[in-house]
Amino acid sequence: MPRSTLAVRCVVAGLRSRLGASNRVLVAVAEGHCKPLVTTSLFLEYEAVLLRPEQQLATGLSPSDIEGFLAALASAAEPVEVNFLWRPQLRDPADETVLEAAVNGRAEAIVTHNVRTGAQRFGVATLTPAEFLKELRK
């Protein structure tokens, strides 16, 4: 089972549109086809972003719906302990938590819409949701 780290934008996009590849990645997680890796800080970032009023409006989810989604995601995810920090490594500081989870958890890939993560220097692939789904089908 592939182990990957999901970027915050990928999770948000998956909840905003039921038709896109990001949503299919979330379905693959729910069905046990892949294992997301999360650190405490990354998971808290998922929560903070999803609870923003504009995200609740866009997703149509209430705070209790978001809490339920996060509980399901937490039960499907593998927790990762961060043993060391390399910050800053990336141009976008918001992506640092994703990179830390991926490297410390020895992820096969980061699933993101931003394919320039800098993760390759750590031996971690960077895949769009559509590319990740193709890899799952192999």
C-alpha atoms as a PDB file:
ATOM      1  CA  MET A   1       0.000   0.000   0.000  1.00  0.00           C
ATOM      2  CA  PRO A   2       1.552   3.320  -1.052  1.00  0.00           C
ATOM      3  CA  ARG A   3       2.388   5.717   1.767  1.00  0.00           C
ATOM      4  CA  SER A   4       2.058   9.355   0.857  1.00  0.00           C
ATOM      5  CA  THR A   5       1.612  12.780   2.340  1.00  0.00           C
ATOM      6  CA  LEU A   6      -1.365  14.808   1.167  1.00  0.00           C
ATOM      7  CA  ALA A   7      -0.842  18.531   0.752  1.00  0.00           C
ATOM      8  CA  VAL A   8      -3.421  20.738   2.419  1.00  0.00           C
ATOM      9  CA  ARG A   9      -4.636  22.096  -0.925  1.00  0.00           C
ATOM     10  CA  CYS A  10      -5.222  18.558  -2.164  1.00  0.00           C
ATOM     11  CA  VAL A  11      -7.415  17.709   0.843  1.00  0.00           C
ATOM     12  CA  VAL A  12      -9.351  20.960   0.483  1.00  0.00           C
ATOM     13  CA  ALA A  13      -9.798  20.465  -3.266  1.00  0.00           C
ATOM     14  CA  GLY A  14     -11.030  16.932  -2.630  1.00  0.00           C
ATOM     15  CA  LEU A  15     -13.763  18.221  -0.360  1.00  0.00           C
ATOM     16  CA  ARG A  16     -14.672  21.176  -2.573  1.00  0.00           C
ATOM     17  CA  SER A  17     -15.351  19.079  -5.683  1.00  0.00           C
ATOM     18  CA  ARG A  18     -16.672  15.548  -5.764  1.00  0.00           C
ATOM     19  CA  LEU A  19     -15.690  15.228  -9.434  1.00  0.00           C
ATOM     20  CA  GLY A  20     -11.935  15.816  -9.418  1.00  0.00           C
ATOM     21  CA  ALA A  21      -8.849  13.711  -8.905  1.00  0.00           C
ATOM     22  CA  SER A  22      -8.308  15.132  -5.403  1.00  0.00           C
ATOM     23  CA  ASN A  23     -11.640  13.714  -4.311  1.00  0.00           C
ATOM     24  CA  ARG A  24     -10.748  10.338  -5.831  1.00  0.00           C
ATOM     25  CA  VAL A  25      -7.530  10.396  -3.775  1.00  0.00           C
ATOM     26  CA  LEU A  26      -9.624  10.906  -0.627  1.00  0.00           C
ATOM     27  CA  VAL A  27     -11.842   7.997  -1.704  1.00  0.00           C
ATOM     28  CA  ALA A  28      -8.725   5.845  -2.221  1.00  0.00           C
ATOM     29  CA  VAL A  29      -7.654   6.705   1.338  1.00  0.00           C
ATOM     30  CA  ALA A  30     -11.117   5.820   2.689  1.00  0.00           C
ATOM     31  CA  GLU A  31     -11.076   2.503   0.811  1.00  0.00           C
ATOM     32  CA  GLY A  32      -7.626   1.637   2.164  1.00  0.00           C
ATOM     33  CA  HIS A  33      -5.775   1.772  -1.171  1.00  0.00           C
ATOM     34  CA  CYS A  34      -3.187   4.198   0.195  1.00  0.00           C
ATOM     35  CA  LYS A  35      -1.976   5.368   3.588  1.00  0.00           C
ATOM     36  CA  PRO A  36      -1.614   9.098   4.245  1.00  0.00           C
ATOM     37  CA  LEU A  37       1.224  10.130   6.542  1.00  0.00           C
ATOM     38  CA  VAL A  38       0.559  12.991   8.940  1.00  0.00           C
ATOM     39  CA  THR A  39       2.342  14.861  11.670  1.00  0.00           C
ATOM     40  CA  THR A  40       0.495  16.702  14.402  1.00  0.00           C
ATOM     41  CA  SER A  41       1.296  20.064  12.834  1.00  0.00           C
ATOM     42  CA  LEU A  42       0.135  18.953   9.370  1.00  0.00           C
ATOM     43  CA  PHE A  43      -3.106  17.562  10.769  1.00  0.00           C
ATOM     44  CA  LEU A  44      -3.736  20.796  12.700  1.00  0.00           C
ATOM     45  CA  GLU A  45      -3.164  22.693   9.464  1.00  0.00           C
ATOM     46  CA  TYR A  46      -5.801  20.548   7.710  1.00  0.00           C
ATOM     47  CA  GLU A  47      -8.204  21.403  10.516  1.00  0.00           C
ATOM     48  CA  ALA A  48      -7.445  25.136  10.572  1.00  0.00           C
ATOM     49  CA  VAL A  49      -7.859  25.524   6.816  1.00  0.00           C
ATOM     50  CA  LEU A  50     -11.031  23.431   6.595  1.00  0.00           C
ATOM     51  CA  LEU A  51     -12.668  25.382   9.434  1.00  0.00           C
ATOM     52  CA  ARG A  52     -12.187  28.729   7.704  1.00  0.00           C
ATOM     53  CA  PRO A  53     -15.615  30.201   6.908  1.00  0.00           C
ATOM     54  CA  GLU A  54     -14.838  30.472   3.171  1.00  0.00           C
ATOM     55  CA  GLN A  55     -13.845  26.792   3.056  1.00  0.00           C
ATOM     56  CA  GLN A  56     -16.961  25.731   4.934  1.00  0.00           C
ATOM     57  CA  LEU A  57     -19.034  27.679   2.431  1.00  0.00           C
ATOM     58  CA  ALA A  58     -17.179  26.170  -0.548  1.00  0.00           C
ATOM     59  CA  THR A  59     -17.332  22.592   0.751  1.00  0.00           C
ATOM     60  CA  GLY A  60     -20.829  22.818   2.192  1.00  0.00           C
ATOM     61  CA  LEU A  61     -19.537  21.182   5.369  1.00  0.00           C
ATOM     62  CA  SER A  62     -20.446  22.258   8.882  1.00  0.00           C
ATOM     63  CA  PRO A  63     -17.881  22.250  11.682  1.00  0.00           C
ATOM     64  CA  SER A  64     -19.287  18.916  12.891  1.00  0.00           C
ATOM     65  CA  ASP A  65     -19.033  17.488   9.345  1.00  0.00           C
ATOM     66  CA  ILE A  66     -15.412  18.619   9.202  1.00  0.00           C
ATOM     67  CA  GLU A  67     -14.779  17.058  12.601  1.00  0.00           C
ATOM     68  CA  GLY A  68     -16.207  13.772  11.297  1.00  0.00           C
ATOM     69  CA  PHE A  69     -14.092  13.923   8.154  1.00  0.00           C
ATOM     70  CA  LEU A  70     -10.953  14.637  10.178  1.00  0.00           C
ATOM     71  CA  ALA A  71     -11.724  11.759  12.544  1.00  0.00           C
ATOM     72  CA  ALA A  72     -12.052   9.407   9.567  1.00  0.00           C
ATOM     73  CA  LEU A  73      -8.845  10.757   8.041  1.00  0.00           C
ATOM     74  CA  ALA A  74      -7.028  10.338  11.356  1.00  0.00           C
ATOM     75  CA  SER A  75      -8.133   6.719  11.612  1.00  0.00           C
ATOM     76  CA  ALA A  76      -6.866   6.026   8.074  1.00  0.00           C
ATOM     77  CA  ALA A  77      -3.603   7.924   8.497  1.00  0.00           C
ATOM     78  CA  GLU A  78      -0.246   6.838   9.852  1.00  0.00           C
ATOM     79  CA  PRO A  79       1.127   9.257  12.439  1.00  0.00           C
ATOM     80  CA  VAL A  80       4.676  10.446  11.862  1.00  0.00           C
ATOM     81  CA  GLU A  81       6.981  11.798  14.517  1.00  0.00           C
ATOM     82  CA  VAL A  82       9.202  14.651  13.394  1.00  0.00           C
ATOM     83  CA  ASN A  83      12.699  13.941  14.628  1.00  0.00           C
ATOM     84  CA  PHE A  84      14.443  16.879  13.038  1.00  0.00           C
ATOM     85  CA  LEU A  85      13.618  20.058  11.178  1.00  0.00           C
ATOM     86  CA  TRP A  86      15.353  21.445   8.112  1.00  0.00           C
ATOM     87  CA  ARG A  87      13.474  24.663   7.761  1.00  0.00           C
ATOM     88  CA  PRO A  88      13.609  26.565   5.623  1.00  0.00           C
ATOM     89  CA  GLN A  89      13.936  24.324   2.570  1.00  0.00           C
ATOM     90  CA  LEU A  90      11.123  25.531   0.338  1.00  0.00           C
ATOM     91  CA  ARG A  91      10.049  28.754  -1.289  1.00  0.00           C
ATOM     92  CA  ASP A  92       6.567  28.383   0.207  1.00  0.00           C
ATOM     93  CA  PRO A  93       6.866  28.082   4.013  1.00  0.00           C
ATOM     94  CA  ALA A  94       3.351  26.610   4.154  1.00  0.00           C
ATOM     95  CA  ASP A  95       4.664  23.493   2.382  1.00  0.00           C
ATOM     96  CA  GLU A  96       7.311  22.787   5.022  1.00  0.00           C
ATOM     97  CA  THR A  97       4.928  20.717   7.203  1.00  0.00           C
ATOM     98  CA  VAL A  98       4.063  18.526   4.225  1.00  0.00           C
ATOM     99  CA  LEU A  99       7.748  17.951   3.436  1.00  0.00           C
ATOM    100  CA  GLU A 100       8.542  17.139   7.088  1.00  0.00           C
ATOM    101  CA  ALA A 101       5.780  14.525   7.227  1.00  0.00           C
ATOM    102  CA  ALA A 102       6.875  12.982   3.936  1.00  0.00           C
ATOM    103  CA  VAL A 103      10.583  12.773   4.737  1.00  0.00           C
ATOM    104  CA  ASN A 104      10.222  11.668   8.361  1.00  0.00           C
ATOM    105  CA  GLY A 105       7.566   9.115   7.401  1.00  0.00           C
ATOM    106  CA  ARG A 106       9.562   7.866   4.409  1.00  0.00           C
ATOM    107  CA  ALA A 107       6.675   8.588   2.050  1.00  0.00           C
ATOM    108  CA  GLU A 108       6.796   7.382  -1.506  1.00  0.00           C
ATOM    109  CA  ALA A 109       5.176  10.604  -2.690  1.00  0.00           C
ATOM    110  CA  ILE A 110       3.735  13.953  -1.823  1.00  0.00           C
ATOM    111  CA  VAL A 111       0.346  14.386  -3.472  1.00  0.00           C
ATOM    112  CA  THR A 112      -0.080  18.040  -4.355  1.00  0.00           C
ATOM    113  CA  HIS A 113      -1.134  20.518  -6.994  1.00  0.00           C
ATOM    114  CA  ASN A 114       2.241  22.256  -6.543  1.00  0.00           C
ATOM    115  CA  VAL A 115       4.709  19.931  -8.240  1.00  0.00           C
ATOM    116  CA  ARG A 116       7.743  22.075  -7.364  1.00  0.00           C
ATOM    117  CA  THR A 117       8.048  21.017  -3.716  1.00  0.00           C
ATOM    118  CA  GLY A 118      11.779  20.338  -3.518  1.00  0.00           C
ATOM    119  CA  ALA A 119      11.031  16.866  -2.148  1.00  0.00           C
ATOM    120  CA  GLN A 120      13.041  15.131  -4.880  1.00  0.00           C
ATOM    121  CA  ARG A 121      16.307  15.985  -3.112  1.00  0.00           C
ATOM    122  CA  PHE A 122      15.039  13.802  -0.244  1.00  0.00           C
ATOM    123  CA  GLY A 123      14.060  10.924  -2.530  1.00  0.00           C
ATOM    124  CA  VAL A 124      10.338  11.646  -2.343  1.00  0.00           C
ATOM    125  CA  ALA A 125       8.339  11.918  -5.566  1.00  0.00           C
ATOM    126  CA  THR A 126       5.950  14.809  -6.081  1.00  0.00           C
ATOM    127  CA  LEU A 127       2.781  13.803  -7.889  1.00  0.00           C
ATOM    128  CA  THR A 128      -0.413  15.576  -8.823  1.00  0.00           C
ATOM    129  CA  PRO A 129      -3.588  13.824  -7.643  1.00  0.00           C
ATOM    130  CA  ALA A 130      -4.163  12.505 -11.190  1.00  0.00           C
ATOM    131  CA  GLU A 131      -0.597  11.149 -11.422  1.00  0.00           C
ATOM    132  CA  PHE A 132      -0.944   9.533  -8.001  1.00  0.00           C
ATOM    133  CA  LEU A 133      -4.163   7.798  -9.069  1.00  0.00           C
ATOM    134  CA  LYS A 134      -2.401   6.421 -12.169  1.00  0.00           C
ATOM    135  CA  GLU A 135       0.341   5.030  -9.911  1.00  0.00           C
ATOM    136  CA  LEU A 136      -2.283   3.380  -7.704  1.00  0.00           C
ATOM    137  CA  ARG A 137      -3.737   1.573 -10.723  1.00  0.00           C
ATOM    138  CA  LYS A 138      -0.380  -0.006 -11.663  1.00  0.00           C
END
